[in-house]
Amino acid sequence: MAKLLKPEGILILSFRYNERQYIPNVYKGPGSGYGRAEPYIRQVFNRECIESWLRATGLYSVEQRYFRGFSGDFWAFGQRTLPGEEVGKHDLHHLTGLILRK
């Protein structure tokens, strides 16, 4: 995606996120409330993943927002929060929205 951007172009991403911990498939976690029977995986990316993407692509972060979708520590853990809510970086969060620029 980064290669397709024109100079000064932006890329907007949204994905499952935990600031500190990468999870290869959150649906397989012992506390996951659903998704175990799904035929696909659901990764949870972390800060280290984002920093790696930035180094590999030469993009830089313009803005990042955080959202809570569950009461537990990770996506699909605990009770679902409906509707989801925007929270601060240091609050419990499960999703992020990220704006990157070339």
PDB file of N, CA and C in Angstrom:
ATOM      1  N   MET A   1       0.832  -1.185   0.000  1.00  0.00           N
ATOM      2  CA  MET A   1       0.000   0.000   0.000  1.00  0.00           C
ATOM      3  C   MET A   1       0.874   1.245   0.000  1.00  0.00           C
ATOM      4  N   ALA A   2       1.958   1.204   0.772  1.00  0.00           N
ATOM      5  CA  ALA A   2       2.837   2.371   0.849  1.00  0.00           C
ATOM      6  C   ALA A   2       3.445   2.692  -0.511  1.00  0.00           C
ATOM      7  N   LYS A   3       3.778   1.686  -1.289  1.00  0.00           N
ATOM      8  CA  LYS A   3       4.371   1.911  -2.609  1.00  0.00           C
ATOM      9  C   LYS A   3       3.409   2.594  -3.570  1.00  0.00           C
ATOM     10  N   LEU A   4       2.118   2.415  -3.358  1.00  0.00           N
ATOM     11  CA  LEU A   4       1.112   3.008  -4.237  1.00  0.00           C
ATOM     12  C   LEU A   4       0.831   4.479  -3.924  1.00  0.00           C
ATOM     13  N   LEU A   5       1.296   4.947  -2.779  1.00  0.00           N
ATOM     14  CA  LEU A   5       1.037   6.331  -2.389  1.00  0.00           C
ATOM     15  C   LEU A   5       1.899   7.302  -3.189  1.00  0.00           C
ATOM     16  N   LYS A   6       1.285   8.410  -3.566  1.00  0.00           N
ATOM     17  CA  LYS A   6       2.047   9.496  -4.178  1.00  0.00           C
ATOM     18  C   LYS A   6       2.761  10.252  -3.064  1.00  0.00           C
ATOM     19  N   PRO A   7       3.780  11.047  -3.374  1.00  0.00           N
ATOM     20  CA  PRO A   7       4.431  11.859  -2.339  1.00  0.00           C
ATOM     21  C   PRO A   7       3.390  12.695  -1.583  1.00  0.00           C
ATOM     22  N   GLU A   8       3.505  12.731  -0.293  1.00  0.00           N
ATOM     23  CA  GLU A   8       2.580  13.421   0.614  1.00  0.00           C
ATOM     24  C   GLU A   8       1.223  12.723   0.728  1.00  0.00           C
ATOM     25  N   GLY A   9       1.071  11.556   0.074  1.00  0.00           N
ATOM     26  CA  GLY A   9      -0.177  10.809   0.156  1.00  0.00           C
ATOM     27  C   GLY A   9      -0.390  10.258   1.556  1.00  0.00           C
ATOM     28  N   ILE A  10      -1.653   9.973   1.887  1.00  0.00           N
ATOM     29  CA  ILE A  10      -1.949   9.439   3.215  1.00  0.00           C
ATOM     30  C   ILE A  10      -2.575   8.057   3.103  1.00  0.00           C
ATOM     31  N   LEU A  11      -2.340   7.273   4.126  1.00  0.00           N
ATOM     32  CA  LEU A  11      -2.892   5.928   4.256  1.00  0.00           C
ATOM     33  C   LEU A  11      -3.592   5.872   5.605  1.00  0.00           C
ATOM     34  N   ILE A  12      -4.857   5.486   5.599  1.00  0.00           N
ATOM     35  CA  ILE A  12      -5.628   5.386   6.835  1.00  0.00           C
ATOM     36  C   ILE A  12      -5.890   3.918   7.110  1.00  0.00           C
ATOM     37  N   LEU A  13      -5.487   3.467   8.288  1.00  0.00           N
ATOM     38  CA  LEU A  13      -5.643   2.072   8.688  1.00  0.00           C
ATOM     39  C   LEU A  13      -6.440   1.978   9.981  1.00  0.00           C
ATOM     40  N   SER A  14      -7.174   0.891  10.126  1.00  0.00           N
ATOM     41  CA  SER A  14      -7.872   0.582  11.367  1.00  0.00           C
ATOM     42  C   SER A  14      -7.692  -0.904  11.618  1.00  0.00           C
ATOM     43  N   PHE A  15      -7.309  -1.270  12.844  1.00  0.00           N
ATOM     44  CA  PHE A  15      -7.056  -2.677  13.137  1.00  0.00           C
ATOM     45  C   PHE A  15      -7.098  -2.934  14.632  1.00  0.00           C
ATOM     46  N   ARG A  16      -7.216  -4.224  15.007  1.00  0.00           N
ATOM     47  CA  ARG A  16      -7.193  -4.616  16.416  1.00  0.00           C
ATOM     48  C   ARG A  16      -5.816  -4.266  16.957  1.00  0.00           C
ATOM     49  N   TYR A  17      -5.797  -3.745  18.197  1.00  0.00           N
ATOM     50  CA  TYR A  17      -4.540  -3.182  18.694  1.00  0.00           C
ATOM     51  C   TYR A  17      -4.441  -3.293  20.204  1.00  0.00           C
ATOM     52  N   ASN A  18      -3.232  -3.597  20.654  1.00  0.00           N
ATOM     53  CA  ASN A  18      -2.868  -3.539  22.064  1.00  0.00           C
ATOM     54  C   ASN A  18      -1.503  -2.865  22.119  1.00  0.00           C
ATOM     55  N   GLU A  19      -1.341  -1.869  22.923  1.00  0.00           N
ATOM     56  CA  GLU A  19      -0.107  -1.077  22.941  1.00  0.00           C
ATOM     57  C   GLU A  19       1.145  -1.941  23.146  1.00  0.00           C
ATOM     58  N   ARG A  20       1.070  -2.923  24.022  1.00  0.00           N
ATOM     59  CA  ARG A  20       2.269  -3.679  24.399  1.00  0.00           C
ATOM     60  C   ARG A  20       2.383  -5.081  23.817  1.00  0.00           C
ATOM     61  N   GLN A  21       1.280  -5.742  23.513  1.00  0.00           N
ATOM     62  CA  GLN A  21       1.352  -7.169  23.191  1.00  0.00           C
ATOM     63  C   GLN A  21       0.783  -7.494  21.820  1.00  0.00           C
ATOM     64  N   TYR A  22       1.593  -8.180  20.991  1.00  0.00           N
ATOM     65  CA  TYR A  22       1.126  -8.719  19.723  1.00  0.00           C
ATOM     66  C   TYR A  22       0.504 -10.088  19.990  1.00  0.00           C
ATOM     67  N   ILE A  23      -0.640 -10.363  19.375  1.00  0.00           N
ATOM     68  CA  ILE A  23      -1.299 -11.663  19.523  1.00  0.00           C
ATOM     69  C   ILE A  23      -1.545 -12.215  18.122  1.00  0.00           C
ATOM     70  N   PRO A  24      -0.974 -13.366  17.786  1.00  0.00           N
ATOM     71  CA  PRO A  24      -1.116 -13.928  16.435  1.00  0.00           C
ATOM     72  C   PRO A  24      -2.560 -14.285  16.069  1.00  0.00           C
ATOM     73  N   ASN A  25      -3.354 -14.738  17.036  1.00  0.00           N
ATOM     74  CA  ASN A  25      -4.762 -15.039  16.786  1.00  0.00           C
ATOM     75  C   ASN A  25      -5.528 -14.934  18.099  1.00  0.00           C
ATOM     76  N   VAL A  26      -6.147 -13.800  18.347  1.00  0.00           N
ATOM     77  CA  VAL A  26      -6.830 -13.543  19.611  1.00  0.00           C
ATOM     78  C   VAL A  26      -7.995 -14.510  19.833  1.00  0.00           C
ATOM     79  N   TYR A  27      -8.567 -15.054  18.758  1.00  0.00           N
ATOM     80  CA  TYR A  27      -9.685 -15.986  18.907  1.00  0.00           C
ATOM     81  C   TYR A  27      -9.264 -17.300  19.563  1.00  0.00           C
ATOM     82  N   LYS A  28      -7.982 -17.595  19.559  1.00  0.00           N
ATOM     83  CA  LYS A  28      -7.493 -18.826  20.194  1.00  0.00           C
ATOM     84  C   LYS A  28      -7.087 -18.609  21.653  1.00  0.00           C
ATOM     85  N   GLY A  29      -7.172 -17.376  22.143  1.00  0.00           N
ATOM     86  CA  GLY A  29      -6.803 -17.079  23.522  1.00  0.00           C
ATOM     87  C   GLY A  29      -7.775 -17.716  24.510  1.00  0.00           C
ATOM     88  N   PRO A  30      -7.285 -18.092  25.692  1.00  0.00           N
ATOM     89  CA  PRO A  30      -8.135 -18.773  26.672  1.00  0.00           C
ATOM     90  C   PRO A  30      -9.296 -17.930  27.185  1.00  0.00           C
ATOM     91  N   GLY A  31      -9.251 -16.615  27.038  1.00  0.00           N
ATOM     92  CA  GLY A  31     -10.331 -15.776  27.523  1.00  0.00           C
ATOM     93  C   GLY A  31     -11.236 -15.249  26.421  1.00  0.00           C
ATOM     94  N   SER A  32     -11.022 -15.700  25.177  1.00  0.00           N
ATOM     95  CA  SER A  32     -11.808 -15.199  24.060  1.00  0.00           C
ATOM     96  C   SER A  32     -13.258 -15.640  24.183  1.00  0.00           C
ATOM     97  N   GLY A  33     -14.171 -14.675  24.073  1.00  0.00           N
ATOM     98  CA  GLY A  33     -15.589 -14.960  24.223  1.00  0.00           C
ATOM     99  C   GLY A  33     -16.256 -15.447  22.952  1.00  0.00           C
ATOM    100  N   TYR A  34     -15.628 -15.303  21.822  1.00  0.00           N
ATOM    101  CA  TYR A  34     -16.186 -15.802  20.569  1.00  0.00           C
ATOM    102  C   TYR A  34     -15.084 -15.909  19.530  1.00  0.00           C
ATOM    103  N   GLY A  35     -15.406 -16.479  18.378  1.00  0.00           N
ATOM    104  CA  GLY A  35     -14.470 -16.556  17.263  1.00  0.00           C
ATOM    105  C   GLY A  35     -13.683 -17.840  17.166  1.00  0.00           C
ATOM    106  N   ARG A  36     -13.757 -18.702  18.169  1.00  0.00           N
ATOM    107  CA  ARG A  36     -12.949 -19.938  18.154  1.00  0.00           C
ATOM    108  C   ARG A  36     -13.227 -20.820  16.940  1.00  0.00           C
ATOM    109  N   ALA A  37     -14.451 -20.834  16.464  1.00  0.00           N
ATOM    110  CA  ALA A  37     -14.818 -21.705  15.338  1.00  0.00           C
ATOM    111  C   ALA A  37     -14.600 -21.024  13.981  1.00  0.00           C
ATOM    112  N   GLU A  38     -14.190 -19.764  13.982  1.00  0.00           N
ATOM    113  CA  GLU A  38     -14.008 -19.053  12.723  1.00  0.00           C
ATOM    114  C   GLU A  38     -12.849 -19.655  11.932  1.00  0.00           C
ATOM    115  N   PRO A  39     -12.957 -19.711  10.609  1.00  0.00           N
ATOM    116  CA  PRO A  39     -11.905 -20.311   9.783  1.00  0.00           C
ATOM    117  C   PRO A  39     -10.733 -19.357   9.511  1.00  0.00           C
ATOM    118  N   TYR A  40     -10.783 -18.158  10.047  1.00  0.00           N
ATOM    119  CA  TYR A  40      -9.722 -17.177   9.828  1.00  0.00           C
ATOM    120  C   TYR A  40      -9.146 -16.747  11.175  1.00  0.00           C
ATOM    121  N   ILE A  41      -7.990 -16.110  11.115  1.00  0.00           N
ATOM    122  CA  ILE A  41      -7.354 -15.629  12.335  1.00  0.00           C
ATOM    123  C   ILE A  41      -7.669 -14.151  12.527  1.00  0.00           C
ATOM    124  N   ARG A  42      -7.499 -13.665  13.746  1.00  0.00           N
ATOM    125  CA  ARG A  42      -7.686 -12.248  14.050  1.00  0.00           C
ATOM    126  C   ARG A  42      -6.461 -11.803  14.839  1.00  0.00           C
ATOM    127  N   GLN A  43      -5.513 -11.190  14.141  1.00  0.00           N
ATOM    128  CA  GLN A  43      -4.303 -10.704  14.797  1.00  0.00           C
ATOM    129  C   GLN A  43      -4.608  -9.443  15.601  1.00  0.00           C
ATOM    130  N   VAL A  44      -3.840  -9.242  16.651  1.00  0.00           N
ATOM    131  CA  VAL A  44      -3.855  -7.991  17.408  1.00  0.00           C
ATOM    132  C   VAL A  44      -2.434  -7.436  17.288  1.00  0.00           C
ATOM    133  N   PHE A  45      -2.312  -6.289  16.651  1.00  0.00           N
ATOM    134  CA  PHE A  45      -1.005  -5.682  16.444  1.00  0.00           C
ATOM    135  C   PHE A  45      -0.646  -4.783  17.622  1.00  0.00           C
ATOM    136  N   ASN A  46       0.640  -4.444  17.747  1.00  0.00           N
ATOM    137  CA  ASN A  46       1.104  -3.624  18.871  1.00  0.00           C
ATOM    138  C   ASN A  46       2.031  -2.511  18.375  1.00  0.00           C
ATOM    139  N   ARG A  47       2.553  -1.724  19.312  1.00  0.00           N
ATOM    140  CA  ARG A  47       3.423  -0.591  18.985  1.00  0.00           C
ATOM    141  C   ARG A  47       4.654  -1.049  18.198  1.00  0.00           C
ATOM    142  N   GLU A  48       5.235  -2.158  18.583  1.00  0.00           N
ATOM    143  CA  GLU A  48       6.420  -2.669  17.885  1.00  0.00           C
ATOM    144  C   GLU A  48       6.108  -2.950  16.415  1.00  0.00           C
ATOM    145  N   CYS A  49       4.923  -3.492  16.130  1.00  0.00           N
ATOM    146  CA  CYS A  49       4.514  -3.739  14.742  1.00  0.00           C
ATOM    147  C   CYS A  49       4.450  -2.424  13.962  1.00  0.00           C
ATOM    148  N   ILE A  50       3.815  -1.422  14.551  1.00  0.00           N
ATOM    149  CA  ILE A  50       3.694  -0.130  13.868  1.00  0.00           C
ATOM    150  C   ILE A  50       5.071   0.460  13.584  1.00  0.00           C
ATOM    151  N   GLU A  51       5.942   0.452  14.575  1.00  0.00           N
ATOM    152  CA  GLU A  51       7.287   1.002  14.386  1.00  0.00           C
ATOM    153  C   GLU A  51       8.038   0.251  13.286  1.00  0.00           C
ATOM    154  N   SER A  52       7.862  -1.050  13.214  1.00  0.00           N
ATOM    155  CA  SER A  52       8.482  -1.866  12.166  1.00  0.00           C
ATOM    156  C   SER A  52       7.946  -1.484  10.790  1.00  0.00           C
ATOM    157  N   TRP A  53       6.615  -1.286  10.692  1.00  0.00           N
ATOM    158  CA  TRP A  53       6.016  -0.867   9.419  1.00  0.00           C
ATOM    159  C   TRP A  53       6.572   0.479   8.973  1.00  0.00           C
ATOM    160  N   LEU A  54       6.710   1.408   9.916  1.00  0.00           N
ATOM    161  CA  LEU A  54       7.217   2.738   9.579  1.00  0.00           C
ATOM    162  C   LEU A  54       8.655   2.662   9.076  1.00  0.00           C
ATOM    163  N   ARG A  55       9.479   1.878   9.756  1.00  0.00           N
ATOM    164  CA  ARG A  55      10.877   1.720   9.312  1.00  0.00           C
ATOM    165  C   ARG A  55      10.947   1.095   7.922  1.00  0.00           C
ATOM    166  N   ALA A  56      10.121   0.092   7.664  1.00  0.00           N
ATOM    167  CA  ALA A  56      10.165  -0.640   6.397  1.00  0.00           C
ATOM    168  C   ALA A  56       9.622   0.177   5.221  1.00  0.00           C
ATOM    169  N   THR A  57       8.692   1.087   5.472  1.00  0.00           N
ATOM    170  CA  THR A  57       8.020   1.806   4.385  1.00  0.00           C
ATOM    171  C   THR A  57       8.480   3.249   4.206  1.00  0.00           C
ATOM    172  N   GLY A  58       9.074   3.821   5.240  1.00  0.00           N
ATOM    173  CA  GLY A  58       9.447   5.229   5.178  1.00  0.00           C
ATOM    174  C   GLY A  58       8.271   6.160   5.446  1.00  0.00           C
ATOM    175  N   LEU A  59       7.115   5.607   5.780  1.00  0.00           N
ATOM    176  CA  LEU A  59       5.963   6.433   6.138  1.00  0.00           C
ATOM    177  C   LEU A  59       6.154   6.987   7.544  1.00  0.00           C
ATOM    178  N   TYR A  60       5.383   8.018   7.890  1.00  0.00           N
ATOM    179  CA  TYR A  60       5.410   8.500   9.266  1.00  0.00           C
ATOM    180  C   TYR A  60       3.977   8.680   9.762  1.00  0.00           C
ATOM    181  N   SER A  61       3.840   8.587  11.067  1.00  0.00           N
ATOM    182  CA  SER A  61       2.530   8.667  11.692  1.00  0.00           C
ATOM    183  C   SER A  61       2.099  10.116  11.841  1.00  0.00           C
ATOM    184  N   VAL A  62       0.885  10.422  11.393  1.00  0.00           N
ATOM    185  CA  VAL A  62       0.308  11.753  11.514  1.00  0.00           C
ATOM    186  C   VAL A  62      -0.589  11.815  12.745  1.00  0.00           C
ATOM    187  N   GLU A  63      -1.395  10.764  12.935  1.00  0.00           N
ATOM    188  CA  GLU A  63      -2.333  10.742  14.058  1.00  0.00           C
ATOM    189  C   GLU A  63      -2.700   9.296  14.362  1.00  0.00           C
ATOM    190  N   GLN A  64      -2.947   9.031  15.641  1.00  0.00           N
ATOM    191  CA  GLN A  64      -3.425   7.720  16.071  1.00  0.00           C
ATOM    192  C   GLN A  64      -4.507   7.908  17.123  1.00  0.00           C
ATOM    193  N   ARG A  65      -5.614   7.196  16.945  1.00  0.00           N
ATOM    194  CA  ARG A  65      -6.717   7.228  17.909  1.00  0.00           C
ATOM    195  C   ARG A  65      -6.980   5.819  18.409  1.00  0.00           C
ATOM    196  N   TYR A  66      -7.613   5.735  19.567  1.00  0.00           N
ATOM    197  CA  TYR A  66      -7.802   4.460  20.260  1.00  0.00           C
ATOM    198  C   TYR A  66      -9.272   4.263  20.598  1.00  0.00           C
ATOM    199  N   PHE A  67      -9.732   2.999  20.524  1.00  0.00           N
ATOM    200  CA  PHE A  67     -11.137   2.694  20.741  1.00  0.00           C
ATOM    201  C   PHE A  67     -11.290   1.424  21.582  1.00  0.00           C
ATOM    202  N   ARG A  68     -12.264   1.456  22.476  1.00  0.00           N
ATOM    203  CA  ARG A  68     -12.580   0.305  23.315  1.00  0.00           C
ATOM    204  C   ARG A  68     -13.809  -0.386  22.727  1.00  0.00           C
ATOM    205  N   GLY A  69     -13.742  -1.726  22.671  1.00  0.00           N
ATOM    206  CA  GLY A  69     -14.860  -2.496  22.151  1.00  0.00           C
ATOM    207  C   GLY A  69     -15.314  -3.605  23.073  1.00  0.00           C
ATOM    208  N   PHE A  70     -14.522  -3.876  24.129  1.00  0.00           N
ATOM    209  CA  PHE A  70     -14.820  -4.957  25.073  1.00  0.00           C
ATOM    210  C   PHE A  70     -14.425  -4.523  26.480  1.00  0.00           C
ATOM    211  N   SER A  71     -14.933  -5.242  27.464  1.00  0.00           N
ATOM    212  CA  SER A  71     -14.596  -4.927  28.855  1.00  0.00           C
ATOM    213  C   SER A  71     -13.291  -5.593  29.295  1.00  0.00           C
ATOM    214  N   GLY A  72     -12.832  -6.609  28.561  1.00  0.00           N
ATOM    215  CA  GLY A  72     -11.616  -7.335  28.918  1.00  0.00           C
ATOM    216  C   GLY A  72     -10.358  -6.690  28.354  1.00  0.00           C
ATOM    217  N   ASP A  73      -9.220  -7.314  28.633  1.00  0.00           N
ATOM    218  CA  ASP A  73      -7.931  -6.749  28.229  1.00  0.00           C
ATOM    219  C   ASP A  73      -7.682  -6.769  26.726  1.00  0.00           C
ATOM    220  N   PHE A  74      -8.301  -7.707  26.002  1.00  0.00           N
ATOM    221  CA  PHE A  74      -8.039  -7.862  24.572  1.00  0.00           C
ATOM    222  C   PHE A  74      -9.344  -7.949  23.790  1.00  0.00           C
ATOM    223  N   TRP A  75      -9.251  -7.784  22.466  1.00  0.00           N
ATOM    224  CA  TRP A  75     -10.388  -7.936  21.577  1.00  0.00           C
ATOM    225  C   TRP A  75     -11.031  -9.302  21.811  1.00  0.00           C
ATOM    226  N   ALA A  76     -12.351  -9.332  21.935  1.00  0.00           N
ATOM    227  CA  ALA A  76     -13.163 -10.549  22.134  1.00  0.00           C
ATOM    228  C   ALA A  76     -13.087 -11.086  23.565  1.00  0.00           C
ATOM    229  N   PHE A  77     -12.478 -10.340  24.500  1.00  0.00           N
ATOM    230  CA  PHE A  77     -12.394 -10.764  25.901  1.00  0.00           C
ATOM    231  C   PHE A  77     -13.360  -9.906  26.720  1.00  0.00           C
ATOM    232  N   GLY A  78     -14.198 -10.540  27.512  1.00  0.00           N
ATOM    233  CA  GLY A  78     -15.153  -9.805  28.338  1.00  0.00           C
ATOM    234  C   GLY A  78     -16.415  -9.493  27.552  1.00  0.00           C
ATOM    235  N   GLN A  79     -17.190  -8.568  28.093  1.00  0.00           N
ATOM    236  CA  GLN A  79     -18.439  -8.160  27.463  1.00  0.00           C
ATOM    237  C   GLN A  79     -18.171  -7.145  26.362  1.00  0.00           C
ATOM    238  N   ARG A  80     -18.905  -7.267  25.275  1.00  0.00           N
ATOM    239  CA  ARG A  80     -18.776  -6.311  24.173  1.00  0.00           C
ATOM    240  C   ARG A  80     -19.328  -4.951  24.609  1.00  0.00           C
ATOM    241  N   THR A  81     -18.636  -3.887  24.249  1.00  0.00           N
ATOM    242  CA  THR A  81     -19.058  -2.522  24.547  1.00  0.00           C
ATOM    243  C   THR A  81     -19.783  -1.979  23.321  1.00  0.00           C
ATOM    244  N   LEU A  82     -21.080  -1.804  23.434  1.00  0.00           N
ATOM    245  CA  LEU A  82     -21.869  -1.284  22.312  1.00  0.00           C
ATOM    246  C   LEU A  82     -22.570  -0.013  22.713  1.00  0.00           C
ATOM    247  N   PRO A  83     -22.424   1.045  22.009  1.00  0.00           N
ATOM    248  CA  PRO A  83     -21.476   1.140  20.901  1.00  0.00           C
ATOM    249  C   PRO A  83     -20.046   1.245  21.434  1.00  0.00           C
ATOM    250  N   GLY A  84     -19.073   0.986  20.574  1.00  0.00           N
ATOM    251  CA  GLY A  84     -17.685   1.182  20.961  1.00  0.00           C
ATOM    252  C   GLY A  84     -17.452   2.654  21.278  1.00  0.00           C
ATOM    253  N   GLU A  85     -16.351   2.928  21.959  1.00  0.00           N
ATOM    254  CA  GLU A  85     -16.102   4.321  22.339  1.00  0.00           C
ATOM    255  C   GLU A  85     -14.643   4.694  22.147  1.00  0.00           C
ATOM    256  N   GLU A  86     -14.429   5.952  21.773  1.00  0.00           N
ATOM    257  CA  GLU A  86     -13.070   6.448  21.658  1.00  0.00           C
ATOM    258  C   GLU A  86     -12.528   6.708  23.059  1.00  0.00           C
ATOM    259  N   VAL A  87     -11.283   6.309  23.297  1.00  0.00           N
ATOM    260  CA  VAL A  87     -10.647   6.458  24.603  1.00  0.00           C
ATOM    261  C   VAL A  87      -9.238   7.013  24.406  1.00  0.00           C
ATOM    262  N   GLY A  88      -8.562   7.316  25.501  1.00  0.00           N
ATOM    263  CA  GLY A  88      -7.193   7.800  25.441  1.00  0.00           C
ATOM    264  C   GLY A  88      -6.185   6.670  25.272  1.00  0.00           C
ATOM    265  N   LYS A  89      -4.988   7.027  24.900  1.00  0.00           N
ATOM    266  CA  LYS A  89      -3.915   6.056  24.676  1.00  0.00           C
ATOM    267  C   LYS A  89      -3.670   5.181  25.902  1.00  0.00           C
ATOM    268  N   HIS A  90      -3.791   5.741  27.092  1.00  0.00           N
ATOM    269  CA  HIS A  90      -3.478   5.003  28.313  1.00  0.00           C
ATOM    270  C   HIS A  90      -4.694   4.294  28.901  1.00  0.00           C
ATOM    271  N   ASP A  91      -5.854   4.439  28.257  1.00  0.00           N
ATOM    272  CA  ASP A  91      -7.053   3.727  28.690  1.00  0.00           C
ATOM    273  C   ASP A  91      -7.098   2.357  28.018  1.00  0.00           C
ATOM    274  N   LEU A  92      -7.916   1.475  28.555  1.00  0.00           N
ATOM    275  CA  LEU A  92      -8.136   0.168  27.939  1.00  0.00           C
ATOM    276  C   LEU A  92      -8.665   0.378  26.526  1.00  0.00           C
ATOM    277  N   HIS A  93      -7.986  -0.205  25.537  1.00  0.00           N
ATOM    278  CA  HIS A  93      -8.417  -0.074  24.146  1.00  0.00           C
ATOM    279  C   HIS A  93      -8.168  -1.370  23.386  1.00  0.00           C
ATOM    280  N   HIS A  94      -8.895  -1.542  22.285  1.00  0.00           N
ATOM    281  CA  HIS A  94      -8.842  -2.774  21.504  1.00  0.00           C
ATOM    282  C   HIS A  94      -8.649  -2.537  20.017  1.00  0.00           C
ATOM    283  N   LEU A  95      -8.925  -1.337  19.574  1.00  0.00           N
ATOM    284  CA  LEU A  95      -8.781  -0.957  18.163  1.00  0.00           C
ATOM    285  C   LEU A  95      -7.994   0.332  18.078  1.00  0.00           C
ATOM    286  N   THR A  96      -7.370   0.534  16.943  1.00  0.00           N
ATOM    287  CA  THR A  96      -6.738   1.822  16.699  1.00  0.00           C
ATOM    288  C   THR A  96      -7.054   2.275  15.295  1.00  0.00           C
ATOM    289  N   GLY A  97      -7.078   3.572  15.105  1.00  0.00           N
ATOM    290  CA  GLY A  97      -7.156   4.194  13.803  1.00  0.00           C
ATOM    291  C   GLY A  97      -5.855   4.965  13.611  1.00  0.00           C
ATOM    292  N   LEU A  98      -5.218   4.770  12.488  1.00  0.00           N
ATOM    293  CA  LEU A  98      -3.872   5.318  12.286  1.00  0.00           C
ATOM    294  C   LEU A  98      -3.810   6.020  10.934  1.00  0.00           C
ATOM    295  N   ILE A  99      -3.331   7.258  10.935  1.00  0.00           N
ATOM    296  CA  ILE A  99      -3.126   7.992   9.698  1.00  0.00           C
ATOM    297  C   ILE A  99      -1.620   8.076   9.464  1.00  0.00           C
ATOM    298  N   LEU A 100      -1.194   7.583   8.296  1.00  0.00           N
ATOM    299  CA  LEU A 100       0.214   7.594   7.920  1.00  0.00           C
ATOM    300  C   LEU A 100       0.385   8.451   6.679  1.00  0.00           C
ATOM    301  N   ARG A 101       1.536   9.075   6.560  1.00  0.00           N
ATOM    302  CA  ARG A 101       1.838   9.918   5.394  1.00  0.00           C
ATOM    303  C   ARG A 101       3.171   9.505   4.804  1.00  0.00           C
ATOM    304  N   LYS A 102       3.215   9.631   3.475  1.00  0.00           N
ATOM    305  CA  LYS A 102       4.451   9.309   2.756  1.00  0.00           C
ATOM    306  C   LYS A 102       5.372  10.511   2.746  1.00  0.00           C
TER     307      LYS A 102
END
